[in-house]
Amino acid sequence: MAAAKFLFGLVPMLAALSFEPATAQADDPPLGTYNADISESSISGISSGGFMAVQFATAWSGIIKGVGVIAGGPYYCAQGTAIGGLGGDIGAILTATGPCMVGPPPALEPLIKQTDEWARNGVIDATHNIAGQKIYVFSGYNDAVVSRTVTDATYRFYLHYLSDRNRDNLFYQTAISAGHSQVTLSYGLDCADNKDYFIDRCNYDQAGIILQHIYGALQSRNDGAPTGRLLAFDQRGFTSPTSPASYSLAETGYVYLPVPCAAREPCRVHIALHGCQQNRDAIGDRYIQHAGYNEWADANHLIILYPQTIAGDPVTNFGTPLNPYGCWDWWGYTDFNYAIKAGPQITAIKAMLDRLTRGHIQSREERNTDAAAPTAVKVNDVSDTAVAIAWTPLAGAQTYTVYRTGGGDQNFTAIGTVVGPSFSDAGLNPATSYAYKVTASNGGSEGPASPVVTATTLPVPPRCPNPGSCPVDR
């Protein structure tokens, strides 16, 4: 995961690398099928998993409801074009390890041009779907691996496709003192760390914030013993007849299955992608047990899919691509299709999602003729310049209007209308209090307002010229 050593000193490393692929687990069962609507699916990832989350959510934007990007760059950042062979073309490798990690990032115009061309050709879904996604982007100001300039580019990439009308779907958090990590309330290393298993405790519930930005206010997380089950499953069927190792995928993946989902109650799927050096071979069950998603899954009918990579070395294990740290492919080490629907890893993850959602039972949506007041409105997150709020979805509601007062304004003013049950209010003043209320519309008249919630933006974070050594704010 660390940029300086990561990915490659490709040619000099090639002869020296020696990694063992995951061994087959003969007793791993196949992945099950459940009553989950594929159009309610979402994805998130950290580092290489963040890059892959952007790729998957862009390629399959027609079915992905929301995406969480933790220390990940914009779509097609490395611009790999050649067949992988020993790990991808040299130009893409240099771009991946340079501009796409330490910055400054590549210009967005070629990335957007290629995205649009692929959408016109049908090898990824139409880009207008991106405007309907709920998007969370994160850069910890102690991140010493992926530069803030790179996540800034991710933010601008999404703004391009959201436009002014939908920009309230996008929340960008840069005011947390985390290092390069999946960030949790209380599990992991010190908040500013950039090492080991890359999970840092910062009193910040990143998994819950991502899920509620995508799905709206959820039932409280389960902080006791888990009630669902973490199940191993056989990933081999999702790459057949090719072996998973050929795509740098493990033979075993994992899924967290809440009790109601096992009982075929209606559920949703969230795909959680580990980063480099975070696969199970590298850190055991730390990510799949402690990234923070399972606690929210228990009470909210959420199936959490944890696909797994392996480290690869074509010298000691012929047929595997060069991927010494078990990263997801965002520069082309599998093949030149890596960023589109036909990409080997994207195809495998999509097949897993198809399997999980195959048992979906179409139900008639409850519709209310009278718009009610949204309930459980909550402040989901705050940065120094933005507030994210979420609420429980209302059956039959087509749009929600958010009103704000504060920051010098004395009266509530409508500041935006969204389709889904969350809203990001950006461009605010640091260390300033604001108040919000929300109304719903079912296509006719606007309903009554929700109770008022208040939020105070964070102070401006300290300048951090040496990430990893800057003050921790929580």
Protein backbone atom coordinates (compact mmCIF):
# COMPACT_ATOMS: atom_id res chain seq x y z
CA MET A 1 0.00 0.00 0.00
CA ALA A 2 2.86 2.42 0.56
CA ALA A 3 3.61 4.49 -2.54
CA ALA A 4 7.39 4.56 -2.38
CA LYS A 5 7.84 0.80 -2.26
CA PHE A 6 4.52 -0.14 -3.78
CA LEU A 7 3.73 -1.62 -7.07
CA PHE A 8 6.92 -1.76 -8.57
CA GLY A 9 10.53 -0.97 -9.10
CA LEU A 10 9.20 -3.29 -11.75
CA VAL A 11 12.23 -4.56 -13.68
CA PRO A 12 14.70 -4.85 -10.77
CA MET A 13 12.07 -6.45 -8.55
CA LEU A 14 10.95 -9.03 -11.06
CA ALA A 15 13.63 -11.61 -10.40
CA ALA A 16 13.60 -11.14 -6.65
CA LEU A 17 9.89 -11.47 -5.88
CA SER A 18 8.53 -14.64 -4.36
CA PHE A 19 4.90 -14.90 -3.24
CA GLU A 20 2.68 -17.89 -2.73
CA PRO A 21 -0.86 -17.71 -4.03
CA ALA A 22 -3.78 -18.65 -1.83
CA THR A 23 -4.38 -22.39 -1.83
CA ALA A 24 -7.70 -23.88 -2.81
CA GLN A 25 -10.19 -24.47 -0.06
CA ALA A 26 -12.03 -27.58 -1.12
CA ASP A 27 -14.74 -27.08 1.50
CA ASP A 28 -15.65 -23.49 0.51
CA PRO A 29 -19.31 -23.50 -0.55
CA PRO A 30 -20.60 -21.56 -3.55
CA LEU A 31 -21.91 -18.05 -2.97
CA GLY A 32 -25.61 -18.08 -2.14
CA THR A 33 -28.55 -16.24 -3.69
CA TYR A 34 -30.80 -13.91 -1.70
CA ASN A 35 -33.77 -11.59 -1.99
CA ALA A 36 -31.73 -8.52 -2.88
CA ASP A 37 -32.53 -5.95 -5.57
CA ILE A 38 -29.44 -5.42 -7.74
CA SER A 39 -30.47 -1.81 -8.41
CA GLU A 40 -30.05 -1.11 -4.68
CA SER A 41 -26.39 -2.21 -4.70
CA SER A 42 -23.46 -0.01 -3.68
CA ILE A 43 -19.68 -0.21 -3.45
CA SER A 44 -16.79 1.31 -1.52
CA GLY A 45 -13.06 0.77 -1.24
CA ILE A 46 -9.81 1.97 0.26
CA SER A 47 -6.70 2.85 -1.81
CA SER A 48 -6.51 0.39 -4.74
CA GLY A 49 -9.99 -0.67 -3.63
CA GLY A 50 -11.03 2.98 -3.92
CA PHE A 51 -9.72 3.13 -7.49
CA MET A 52 -11.57 -0.11 -8.26
CA ALA A 53 -14.76 1.17 -6.60
CA VAL A 54 -14.69 4.17 -8.95
CA GLN A 55 -14.07 1.86 -11.93
CA PHE A 56 -16.85 -0.56 -11.03
CA ALA A 57 -19.36 2.16 -10.14
CA THR A 58 -18.63 3.98 -13.40
CA ALA A 59 -18.68 0.88 -15.60
CA TRP A 60 -21.91 -0.34 -13.98
CA SER A 61 -23.44 3.03 -13.08
CA GLY A 62 -26.87 1.81 -14.15
CA ILE A 63 -27.12 -0.53 -11.15
CA ILE A 64 -24.83 1.04 -8.53
CA LYS A 65 -26.75 3.30 -6.18
CA GLY A 66 -23.75 4.84 -4.45
CA VAL A 67 -19.99 4.70 -4.06
CA GLY A 68 -17.50 5.40 -1.27
CA VAL A 69 -13.97 6.35 -2.35
CA ILE A 70 -11.33 6.32 0.40
CA ALA A 71 -7.95 7.60 -0.85
CA GLY A 72 -8.78 6.67 -4.43
CA GLY A 73 -8.26 8.52 -7.70
CA PRO A 74 -10.43 9.36 -10.71
CA TYR A 75 -11.64 6.88 -13.29
CA TYR A 76 -8.97 5.61 -15.72
CA CYS A 77 -6.29 7.57 -13.87
CA ALA A 78 -3.36 5.36 -14.95
CA GLN A 79 -4.58 5.19 -18.57
CA GLY A 80 -3.24 1.67 -19.14
CA THR A 81 -3.73 0.54 -22.72
CA ALA A 82 -1.44 -2.43 -23.38
CA ILE A 83 -2.03 -6.10 -22.60
CA GLY A 84 -0.82 -6.79 -19.07
CA GLY A 85 1.66 -9.63 -19.51
CA LEU A 86 4.13 -8.91 -16.71
CA GLY A 87 1.95 -6.38 -14.95
CA GLY A 88 0.81 -3.71 -17.39
CA ASP A 89 2.49 -1.29 -19.74
CA ILE A 90 5.38 0.70 -18.31
CA GLY A 91 3.73 4.06 -18.98
CA ALA A 92 0.64 3.10 -16.97
CA ILE A 93 2.80 1.76 -14.14
CA LEU A 94 4.75 4.99 -13.93
CA THR A 95 1.54 7.01 -14.01
CA ALA A 96 -0.04 4.80 -11.34
CA THR A 97 2.89 5.07 -8.95
CA GLY A 98 3.58 8.72 -9.71
CA PRO A 99 0.80 11.16 -10.65
CA CYS A 100 -2.03 8.85 -9.54
CA MET A 101 -0.60 8.46 -6.05
CA VAL A 102 1.81 11.23 -5.16
CA GLY A 103 0.40 13.77 -7.63
CA PRO A 104 -0.02 16.06 -9.32
CA PRO A 105 -2.67 13.91 -11.00
CA PRO A 106 -3.14 13.61 -14.74
CA ALA A 107 -5.33 16.18 -16.46
CA LEU A 108 -8.99 15.26 -16.22
CA GLU A 109 -9.89 16.10 -19.82
CA PRO A 110 -8.41 12.91 -21.37
CA LEU A 111 -9.97 10.78 -18.63
CA ILE A 112 -13.40 12.32 -19.18
CA LYS A 113 -13.01 12.04 -22.97
CA GLN A 114 -12.24 8.32 -22.68
CA THR A 115 -15.09 7.79 -20.21
CA ASP A 116 -17.54 9.44 -22.61
CA GLU A 117 -16.24 7.46 -25.58
CA TRP A 118 -16.59 4.15 -23.76
CA ALA A 119 -20.12 5.09 -22.70
CA ARG A 120 -21.06 5.91 -26.31
CA ASN A 121 -19.64 2.56 -27.40
CA GLY A 122 -21.60 0.72 -24.72
CA VAL A 123 -18.63 -0.87 -22.98
CA ILE A 124 -19.60 1.00 -19.81
CA ASP A 125 -23.03 2.25 -18.78
CA ALA A 126 -24.29 5.69 -19.82
CA THR A 127 -22.60 8.44 -17.82
CA HIS A 128 -25.89 10.18 -17.02
CA ASN A 129 -26.43 7.43 -14.42
CA ILE A 130 -23.55 8.87 -12.37
CA ALA A 131 -25.67 11.93 -11.62
CA GLY A 132 -28.06 9.73 -9.66
CA GLN A 133 -25.40 8.09 -7.50
CA LYS A 134 -24.68 9.11 -3.91
CA ILE A 135 -20.91 9.65 -3.71
CA TYR A 136 -18.53 9.97 -0.76
CA VAL A 137 -14.84 10.86 -1.28
CA PHE A 138 -12.29 10.88 1.55
CA SER A 139 -8.73 12.06 2.05
CA GLY A 140 -7.20 12.03 5.52
CA TYR A 141 -4.84 14.95 5.99
CA ASN A 142 -2.20 12.61 7.45
CA ASP A 143 -2.30 10.37 4.36
CA ALA A 144 1.32 9.91 3.27
CA VAL A 145 0.52 7.46 0.45
CA VAL A 146 -2.17 9.00 -1.79
CA SER A 147 -1.93 12.77 -2.17
CA ARG A 148 -4.85 15.08 -1.50
CA THR A 149 -4.37 16.37 -5.05
CA VAL A 150 -5.39 12.93 -6.31
CA THR A 151 -8.66 12.80 -4.36
CA ASP A 152 -9.28 16.41 -5.41
CA ALA A 153 -9.20 15.10 -8.98
CA THR A 154 -11.70 12.38 -8.03
CA TYR A 155 -13.98 15.06 -6.60
CA ARG A 156 -13.71 17.14 -9.79
CA PHE A 157 -14.31 14.07 -11.96
CA TYR A 158 -17.59 13.44 -10.19
CA LEU A 159 -18.58 17.11 -10.22
CA HIS A 160 -18.25 17.04 -14.00
CA TYR A 161 -20.92 14.36 -14.27
CA LEU A 162 -23.14 15.57 -11.45
CA SER A 163 -23.43 19.19 -12.69
CA ASP A 164 -25.02 21.89 -10.55
CA ARG A 165 -28.37 20.12 -10.29
CA ASN A 166 -26.98 16.98 -8.65
CA ARG A 167 -23.86 18.17 -6.84
CA ASP A 168 -25.66 17.77 -3.50
CA ASN A 169 -25.20 13.99 -3.96
CA LEU A 170 -21.42 14.37 -3.46
CA PHE A 171 -19.73 14.72 -0.06
CA TYR A 172 -15.97 15.27 0.16
CA GLN A 173 -14.33 14.84 3.57
CA THR A 174 -10.80 16.24 3.97
CA ALA A 175 -10.80 17.52 7.57
CA ILE A 176 -10.13 14.25 9.43
CA SER A 177 -6.58 13.62 10.70
CA ALA A 178 -6.39 10.03 9.47
CA GLY A 179 -3.43 8.46 7.73
CA HIS A 180 -3.78 6.19 4.71
CA SER A 181 -6.43 3.88 6.11
CA GLN A 182 -9.93 2.61 6.50
CA VAL A 183 -11.06 4.80 9.38
CA THR A 184 -13.02 3.46 12.35
CA LEU A 185 -14.43 4.55 15.68
CA SER A 186 -12.14 2.54 17.92
CA TYR A 187 -10.44 -0.36 16.12
CA GLY A 188 -6.96 -0.25 14.64
CA LEU A 189 -3.76 1.75 14.72
CA ASP A 190 -3.23 5.34 15.80
CA CYS A 191 -5.20 7.80 13.72
CA ALA A 192 -2.25 9.29 11.82
CA ASP A 193 -0.60 5.95 10.95
CA ASN A 194 0.23 4.93 7.39
CA LYS A 195 1.36 1.34 7.93
CA ASP A 196 0.74 -2.32 8.70
CA TYR A 197 -2.88 -3.28 8.08
CA PHE A 198 -4.07 0.27 7.23
CA ILE A 199 -7.03 0.53 9.59
CA ASP A 200 -6.84 3.56 11.90
CA ARG A 201 -8.99 4.45 14.90
CA CYS A 202 -10.00 8.12 14.67
CA ASN A 203 -13.37 8.18 16.47
CA TYR A 204 -14.87 8.43 12.99
CA ASP A 205 -17.38 5.85 11.77
CA GLN A 206 -16.45 5.86 8.09
CA ALA A 207 -18.37 2.73 7.10
CA GLY A 208 -21.56 4.01 8.72
CA ILE A 209 -21.18 7.44 7.14
CA ILE A 210 -20.71 5.90 3.69
CA LEU A 211 -23.71 3.60 4.07
CA GLN A 212 -25.99 6.36 5.36
CA HIS A 213 -24.91 8.79 2.67
CA ILE A 214 -25.97 6.15 0.15
CA TYR A 215 -29.08 4.71 1.79
CA GLY A 216 -30.27 7.41 4.19
CA ALA A 217 -30.56 7.20 7.97
CA LEU A 218 -30.19 3.60 9.17
CA GLN A 219 -31.02 1.74 12.34
CA SER A 220 -28.31 2.01 14.99
CA ARG A 221 -25.21 -0.09 14.48
CA ASN A 222 -24.78 -3.29 16.46
CA ASP A 223 -21.87 -2.78 18.85
CA GLY A 224 -22.40 -6.10 20.57
CA ALA A 225 -21.78 -9.61 19.36
CA PRO A 226 -22.58 -9.96 15.64
CA THR A 227 -25.85 -11.70 14.92
CA GLY A 228 -25.09 -12.47 11.28
CA ARG A 229 -22.47 -14.82 9.88
CA LEU A 230 -19.25 -14.20 7.99
CA LEU A 231 -19.14 -16.91 5.33
CA ALA A 232 -16.31 -18.03 3.08
CA PHE A 233 -17.25 -18.79 -0.52
CA ASP A 234 -15.53 -20.20 -3.59
CA GLN A 235 -14.43 -17.44 -6.00
CA ARG A 236 -13.28 -19.94 -8.64
CA GLY A 237 -16.67 -20.15 -10.31
CA PHE A 238 -16.61 -16.43 -11.08
CA THR A 239 -13.52 -16.63 -13.28
CA SER A 240 -14.05 -20.10 -14.78
CA PRO A 241 -12.62 -21.56 -16.96
CA THR A 242 -9.69 -19.28 -16.11
CA SER A 243 -8.17 -19.69 -12.67
CA PRO A 244 -8.68 -16.82 -10.20
CA ALA A 245 -4.90 -16.51 -9.83
CA SER A 246 -4.70 -15.45 -13.48
CA TYR A 247 -6.65 -12.35 -12.46
CA SER A 248 -4.80 -11.99 -9.14
CA LEU A 249 -7.95 -13.11 -7.34
CA ALA A 250 -8.01 -15.49 -4.41
CA GLU A 251 -9.85 -18.78 -4.53
CA THR A 252 -11.82 -17.78 -1.42
CA GLY A 253 -13.96 -14.67 -0.87
CA TYR A 254 -16.15 -13.66 2.06
CA VAL A 255 -19.66 -12.38 2.61
CA TYR A 256 -21.32 -11.07 5.76
CA LEU A 257 -24.89 -12.34 5.90
CA PRO A 258 -27.38 -10.91 8.43
CA VAL A 259 -30.01 -13.27 9.79
CA PRO A 260 -32.96 -11.61 7.96
CA CYS A 261 -31.11 -11.87 4.64
CA ALA A 262 -30.43 -15.56 5.20
CA ALA A 263 -34.18 -15.92 5.81
CA ARG A 264 -34.83 -14.38 2.36
CA GLU A 265 -36.21 -11.08 3.65
CA PRO A 266 -35.62 -8.14 1.28
CA CYS A 267 -32.00 -6.98 1.53
CA ARG A 268 -29.39 -4.88 -0.27
CA VAL A 269 -25.77 -5.58 -1.19
CA HIS A 270 -22.76 -3.42 -0.42
CA ILE A 271 -19.40 -4.43 -1.92
CA ALA A 272 -16.41 -3.56 0.29
CA LEU A 273 -13.01 -3.62 -1.41
CA HIS A 274 -9.82 -3.88 0.63
CA GLY A 275 -6.68 -2.04 -0.40
CA CYS A 276 -3.20 -3.25 -1.26
CA GLN A 277 -1.69 -5.43 1.47
CA GLN A 278 -5.16 -5.77 3.05
CA ASN A 279 -6.33 -9.04 1.52
CA ARG A 280 -6.87 -11.94 3.88
CA ASP A 281 -3.57 -13.57 2.99
CA ALA A 282 -1.80 -10.42 4.15
CA ILE A 283 -3.70 -9.32 7.29
CA GLY A 284 -6.01 -12.18 8.18
CA ASP A 285 -9.58 -11.18 8.98
CA ARG A 286 -8.81 -7.63 10.13
CA TYR A 287 -10.48 -5.89 7.19
CA ILE A 288 -13.44 -8.23 6.75
CA GLN A 289 -14.16 -8.22 10.49
CA HIS A 290 -13.22 -4.67 11.50
CA ALA A 291 -13.70 -2.27 8.57
CA GLY A 292 -16.97 -1.26 10.24
CA TYR A 293 -19.58 -2.47 7.73
CA ASN A 294 -20.79 -5.61 9.50
CA GLU A 295 -22.04 -3.71 12.55
CA TRP A 296 -24.37 -1.68 10.32
CA ALA A 297 -25.36 -4.69 8.23
CA ASP A 298 -26.88 -6.56 11.16
CA ALA A 299 -29.75 -4.14 11.82
CA ASN A 300 -30.28 -2.87 8.27
CA HIS A 301 -30.73 -5.85 5.95
CA LEU A 302 -27.36 -5.27 4.27
CA ILE A 303 -25.29 -8.07 2.77
CA ILE A 304 -21.59 -7.11 2.70
CA LEU A 305 -19.52 -8.72 -0.06
CA TYR A 306 -15.75 -8.91 0.51
CA PRO A 307 -14.06 -10.11 -2.71
CA GLN A 308 -10.41 -11.02 -2.25
CA THR A 309 -7.23 -10.57 -4.26
CA ILE A 310 -3.88 -12.35 -3.96
CA ALA A 311 -0.32 -11.22 -4.46
CA GLY A 312 1.02 -12.34 -7.82
CA ASP A 313 4.40 -13.07 -9.37
CA PRO A 314 4.76 -14.53 -12.89
CA VAL A 315 8.31 -15.74 -12.18
CA THR A 316 7.53 -18.06 -9.27
CA ASN A 317 3.91 -18.74 -10.24
CA PHE A 318 3.55 -18.84 -14.00
CA GLY A 319 0.32 -17.37 -15.28
CA THR A 320 -0.23 -14.87 -12.49
CA PRO A 321 0.21 -11.17 -13.23
CA LEU A 322 2.81 -9.11 -11.39
CA ASN A 323 0.90 -7.75 -8.41
CA PRO A 324 3.23 -8.14 -5.42
CA TYR A 325 1.00 -6.40 -2.87
CA GLY A 326 -2.38 -7.88 -3.77
CA CYS A 327 -3.81 -4.65 -5.22
CA TRP A 328 -6.94 -4.34 -7.30
CA ASP A 329 -6.20 -3.71 -10.96
CA TRP A 330 -6.47 -0.02 -11.79
CA TRP A 331 -3.51 0.27 -14.17
CA GLY A 332 -3.87 -2.79 -16.45
CA TYR A 333 -1.94 -5.70 -14.97
CA THR A 334 -4.70 -8.12 -15.99
CA ASP A 335 -5.40 -6.78 -19.49
CA PHE A 336 -6.26 -3.62 -21.40
CA ASN A 337 -10.00 -4.00 -20.59
CA TYR A 338 -9.37 -3.56 -16.86
CA ALA A 339 -11.48 -0.37 -16.45
CA ILE A 340 -14.58 -1.40 -18.44
CA LYS A 341 -17.30 -4.00 -18.00
CA ALA A 342 -15.15 -6.61 -19.73
CA GLY A 343 -12.29 -6.15 -17.27
CA PRO A 344 -11.43 -9.49 -15.66
CA GLN A 345 -11.82 -8.32 -12.06
CA ILE A 346 -14.87 -6.17 -12.81
CA THR A 347 -16.46 -9.15 -14.57
CA ALA A 348 -15.79 -11.40 -11.57
CA ILE A 349 -17.20 -8.93 -9.03
CA LYS A 350 -20.27 -8.35 -11.20
CA ALA A 351 -20.82 -12.12 -11.41
CA MET A 352 -20.67 -12.30 -7.60
CA LEU A 353 -23.23 -9.49 -7.36
CA ASP A 354 -25.45 -11.23 -9.91
CA ARG A 355 -25.31 -14.42 -7.86
CA LEU A 356 -26.18 -12.67 -4.59
CA THR A 357 -29.17 -10.86 -6.12
CA ARG A 358 -30.51 -13.73 -8.20
CA GLY A 359 -33.20 -14.53 -5.63
CA HIS A 360 -34.77 -11.06 -5.71
CA ILE A 361 -38.55 -11.09 -5.42
CA GLN A 362 -40.22 -8.09 -6.99
CA SER A 363 -42.61 -6.45 -4.55
CA ARG A 364 -45.16 -3.73 -5.01
CA GLU A 365 -43.85 -0.42 -3.72
CA GLU A 366 -46.00 1.22 -1.09
CA ARG A 367 -47.09 4.66 -2.23
CA ASN A 368 -48.45 7.45 -0.08
CA THR A 369 -50.88 9.91 -1.61
CA ASP A 370 -50.05 12.56 0.97
CA ALA A 371 -46.47 13.64 1.47
CA ALA A 372 -45.43 13.28 5.10
CA ALA A 373 -42.58 14.88 7.00
CA PRO A 374 -39.26 13.02 6.68
CA THR A 375 -38.26 11.28 9.89
CA ALA A 376 -34.98 10.47 11.62
CA VAL A 377 -33.19 13.40 10.00
CA LYS A 378 -29.62 13.35 11.26
CA VAL A 379 -26.28 15.00 10.71
CA ASN A 380 -24.28 12.24 9.03
CA ASP A 381 -20.90 14.01 8.75
CA VAL A 382 -19.25 17.43 8.88
CA SER A 383 -16.05 18.80 7.40
CA ASP A 384 -14.65 22.29 7.67
CA THR A 385 -16.67 23.45 4.66
CA ALA A 386 -19.56 20.98 4.34
CA VAL A 387 -22.37 19.25 6.21
CA ALA A 388 -23.90 15.93 5.18
CA ILE A 389 -27.38 15.08 6.41
CA ALA A 390 -29.45 11.94 5.95
CA TRP A 391 -32.96 10.80 6.76
CA THR A 392 -35.21 7.77 6.53
CA PRO A 393 -36.66 7.35 3.00
CA LEU A 394 -40.40 7.96 2.68
CA ALA A 395 -42.50 5.57 0.61
CA GLY A 396 -43.82 7.41 -2.41
CA ALA A 397 -41.57 10.44 -2.06
CA GLN A 398 -40.11 11.50 -5.40
CA THR A 399 -37.94 14.40 -4.24
CA TYR A 400 -36.77 16.03 -1.03
CA THR A 401 -36.10 19.73 -0.50
CA VAL A 402 -33.55 20.85 2.08
CA TYR A 403 -33.81 24.16 3.92
CA ARG A 404 -31.00 25.85 5.84
CA THR A 405 -30.45 28.74 8.19
CA GLY A 406 -27.30 29.92 9.95
CA GLY A 407 -23.95 31.34 8.99
CA GLY A 408 -25.43 34.82 9.18
CA ASP A 409 -28.84 33.96 7.67
CA GLN A 410 -31.79 34.28 10.05
CA ASN A 411 -34.49 32.57 7.96
CA PHE A 412 -34.72 29.10 6.49
CA THR A 413 -34.03 29.11 2.77
CA ALA A 414 -34.37 26.25 0.30
CA ILE A 415 -30.86 25.28 -0.78
CA GLY A 416 -31.47 22.24 -2.97
CA THR A 417 -33.67 19.34 -4.04
CA VAL A 418 -32.50 15.72 -4.23
CA VAL A 419 -34.02 12.39 -5.17
CA GLY A 420 -32.48 10.13 -2.50
CA PRO A 421 -32.49 10.44 1.31
CA SER A 422 -29.21 12.32 1.84
CA PHE A 423 -27.79 15.73 1.06
CA SER A 424 -24.35 17.35 1.03
CA ASP A 425 -24.23 21.07 1.70
CA ALA A 426 -20.83 22.37 0.55
CA GLY A 427 -19.17 25.77 0.45
CA LEU A 428 -19.84 26.57 4.11
CA ASN A 429 -17.79 28.58 6.58
CA PRO A 430 -15.51 26.69 9.00
CA ALA A 431 -16.42 26.47 12.69
CA THR A 432 -19.92 27.79 12.00
CA SER A 433 -23.33 26.53 13.13
CA TYR A 434 -26.13 25.75 10.70
CA ALA A 435 -29.65 24.35 11.03
CA TYR A 436 -31.55 22.18 8.54
CA LYS A 437 -35.02 20.85 7.87
CA VAL A 438 -36.31 18.66 5.05
CA THR A 439 -39.60 18.31 3.19
CA ALA A 440 -40.79 15.61 0.80
CA SER A 441 -42.81 15.77 -2.39
CA ASN A 442 -44.65 12.91 -4.06
CA GLY A 443 -44.86 14.74 -7.35
CA GLY A 444 -47.64 17.01 -6.20
CA SER A 445 -47.64 19.34 -3.25
CA GLU A 446 -44.77 19.69 -0.82
CA GLY A 447 -45.33 18.04 2.54
CA PRO A 448 -44.62 19.31 6.05
CA ALA A 449 -41.10 19.91 7.27
CA SER A 450 -39.08 17.53 9.38
CA PRO A 451 -37.79 18.47 12.82
CA VAL A 452 -34.80 20.80 12.71
CA VAL A 453 -31.27 19.41 13.11
CA THR A 454 -28.19 21.50 13.78
CA ALA A 455 -24.55 21.06 12.79
CA THR A 456 -21.32 22.94 13.34
CA THR A 457 -18.60 22.71 10.71
CA LEU A 458 -15.10 21.76 11.82
CA PRO A 459 -12.26 24.26 12.14
CA VAL A 460 -9.89 24.52 9.20
CA PRO A 461 -7.49 21.57 9.54
CA PRO A 462 -3.85 22.40 10.17
CA ARG A 463 -1.46 22.66 7.27
CA CYS A 464 0.19 19.27 6.99
CA PRO A 465 3.47 19.44 5.03
CA ASN A 466 4.58 16.08 6.47
CA PRO A 467 1.56 13.74 6.47
CA GLY A 468 1.74 11.16 9.23
CA SER A 469 3.19 13.60 11.74
CA CYS A 470 0.49 16.27 11.93
CA PRO A 471 -1.77 16.87 14.95
CA VAL A 472 -4.67 14.47 15.50
CA ASP A 473 -7.96 16.21 16.04
CA ARG A 474 -9.99 13.51 17.78
